[in-house]
Amino acid sequence: MLYVDFARPDDTLAGVAIYDDSSPNFGPLVVMDWDEMHRLILEMHSLRDQRDVHVRRAQLTLVPDIMDMATARDEMPTTMEEYRIMADKEANDE
C-alpha cells in the first residue's frame, strides 16, 4: 500500500514523499515539494470530474434524428414508473 509522509521529518516545508509500505527499506518512490503535490491533487480531481462527465454522457438516452425535439420531449418518461413501463415495452417489442 502506498502512503505519504514528509520528505524530511525535521523540515516539514521540504515537501512530501510517497512510500510503498511493502518495501520501506528502498526509500521513497516519489519526492515532491508542496506546489507539485497540490498540482497533483488538482489534476486527480480534474480527471475524476472528467470521468464523471463521461459516465453521465454514456447514460444519456439518444433520440433518433427523425424525431423533432417537441415530439421527443412529449415521449420521454417523466417518472421512474413511466420509464420502467417504456423499457419493458421496448424489451417485449424486440
Protein backbone atom coordinates (compact mmCIF):
# COMPACT_ATOMS: atom_id res chain seq x y z
CA MET A 1 0.00 0.00 0.00
CA LEU A 2 1.23 3.50 -0.77
CA TYR A 3 1.38 6.20 1.86
CA VAL A 4 2.51 9.81 2.02
CA ASP A 5 4.87 11.26 4.62
CA PHE A 6 7.08 14.29 4.95
CA ALA A 7 10.14 14.17 2.69
CA ARG A 8 12.30 15.14 5.67
CA PRO A 9 10.77 14.73 9.14
CA ASP A 10 12.95 17.53 10.54
CA ASP A 11 11.80 20.02 7.84
CA THR A 12 8.08 19.89 7.05
CA LEU A 13 8.45 22.64 4.44
CA ALA A 14 10.74 20.41 2.34
CA GLY A 15 7.75 18.65 0.79
CA VAL A 16 6.27 15.19 0.76
CA ALA A 17 7.31 11.72 -0.29
CA ILE A 18 5.29 8.72 -1.41
CA TYR A 19 6.41 5.40 0.03
CA ASP A 20 5.47 1.78 -0.58
CA ASP A 21 4.97 0.05 2.77
CA SER A 22 5.83 -3.35 1.28
CA SER A 23 9.40 -2.15 0.68
CA PRO A 24 10.19 0.58 3.25
CA ASN A 25 13.96 -0.01 3.04
CA PHE A 26 14.16 1.23 -0.56
CA GLY A 27 13.24 4.80 0.31
CA PRO A 28 10.57 6.97 -1.25
CA LEU A 29 9.11 6.25 -4.68
CA VAL A 30 8.48 9.95 -5.37
CA VAL A 31 9.55 13.14 -3.63
CA MET A 32 7.86 16.44 -4.43
CA ASP A 33 7.51 19.90 -2.99
CA TRP A 34 4.17 21.21 -1.76
CA ASP A 35 3.38 23.04 -5.02
CA GLU A 36 3.85 19.84 -7.03
CA MET A 37 1.74 17.89 -4.56
CA HIS A 38 -1.00 20.49 -4.81
CA ARG A 39 -0.94 20.33 -8.64
CA LEU A 40 -1.10 16.53 -8.48
CA ILE A 41 -4.17 16.65 -6.23
CA LEU A 42 -5.88 19.19 -8.51
CA GLU A 43 -5.10 17.06 -11.56
CA MET A 44 -6.56 13.98 -9.87
CA HIS A 45 -9.74 15.93 -9.07
CA SER A 46 -9.92 17.12 -12.68
CA LEU A 47 -9.56 13.58 -14.02
CA ARG A 48 -12.27 12.35 -11.65
CA ASP A 49 -14.58 15.15 -12.83
CA GLN A 50 -13.86 14.23 -16.47
CA ARG A 51 -14.69 10.60 -15.69
CA ASP A 52 -17.98 11.66 -14.10
CA VAL A 53 -18.86 13.68 -17.22
CA HIS A 54 -18.12 10.69 -19.46
CA VAL A 55 -20.26 8.44 -17.27
CA ARG A 56 -23.17 10.91 -17.37
CA ARG A 57 -22.86 11.24 -21.16
CA ALA A 58 -22.90 7.46 -21.54
CA GLN A 59 -26.12 7.28 -19.52
CA LEU A 60 -27.99 9.74 -21.72
CA THR A 61 -30.76 8.38 -23.90
CA LEU A 62 -30.19 9.16 -27.56
CA VAL A 63 -33.12 10.46 -29.57
CA PRO A 64 -33.38 9.31 -33.21
CA ASP A 65 -32.75 12.04 -35.80
CA ILE A 66 -36.19 11.58 -37.38
CA MET A 67 -37.93 12.85 -34.26
CA ASP A 68 -38.16 16.54 -33.67
CA MET A 69 -37.38 17.81 -30.18
CA ALA A 70 -41.02 18.57 -29.26
CA THR A 71 -42.06 15.02 -30.12
CA ALA A 72 -39.09 13.57 -28.28
CA ARG A 73 -39.88 15.68 -25.21
CA ASP A 74 -43.51 14.52 -25.26
CA GLU A 75 -42.49 10.87 -25.49
CA MET A 76 -39.86 10.99 -22.74
CA PRO A 77 -40.97 9.50 -19.42
CA THR A 78 -41.35 11.90 -16.53
CA THR A 79 -41.33 9.38 -13.67
CA MET A 80 -39.33 6.24 -12.97
CA GLU A 81 -42.52 4.17 -13.27
CA GLU A 82 -43.18 5.55 -16.77
CA TYR A 83 -39.55 4.82 -17.66
CA ARG A 84 -39.89 1.21 -16.47
CA ILE A 85 -43.11 0.75 -18.47
CA MET A 86 -41.44 2.18 -21.58
CA ALA A 87 -38.34 -0.02 -21.11
CA ASP A 88 -40.48 -3.13 -20.63
CA LYS A 89 -42.48 -2.30 -23.76
CA GLU A 90 -39.31 -1.85 -25.81
CA ALA A 91 -37.87 -5.12 -24.47
CA ASN A 92 -41.06 -7.01 -25.41
CA ASP A 93 -41.10 -5.46 -28.90
CA GLU A 94 -37.66 -6.87 -29.67
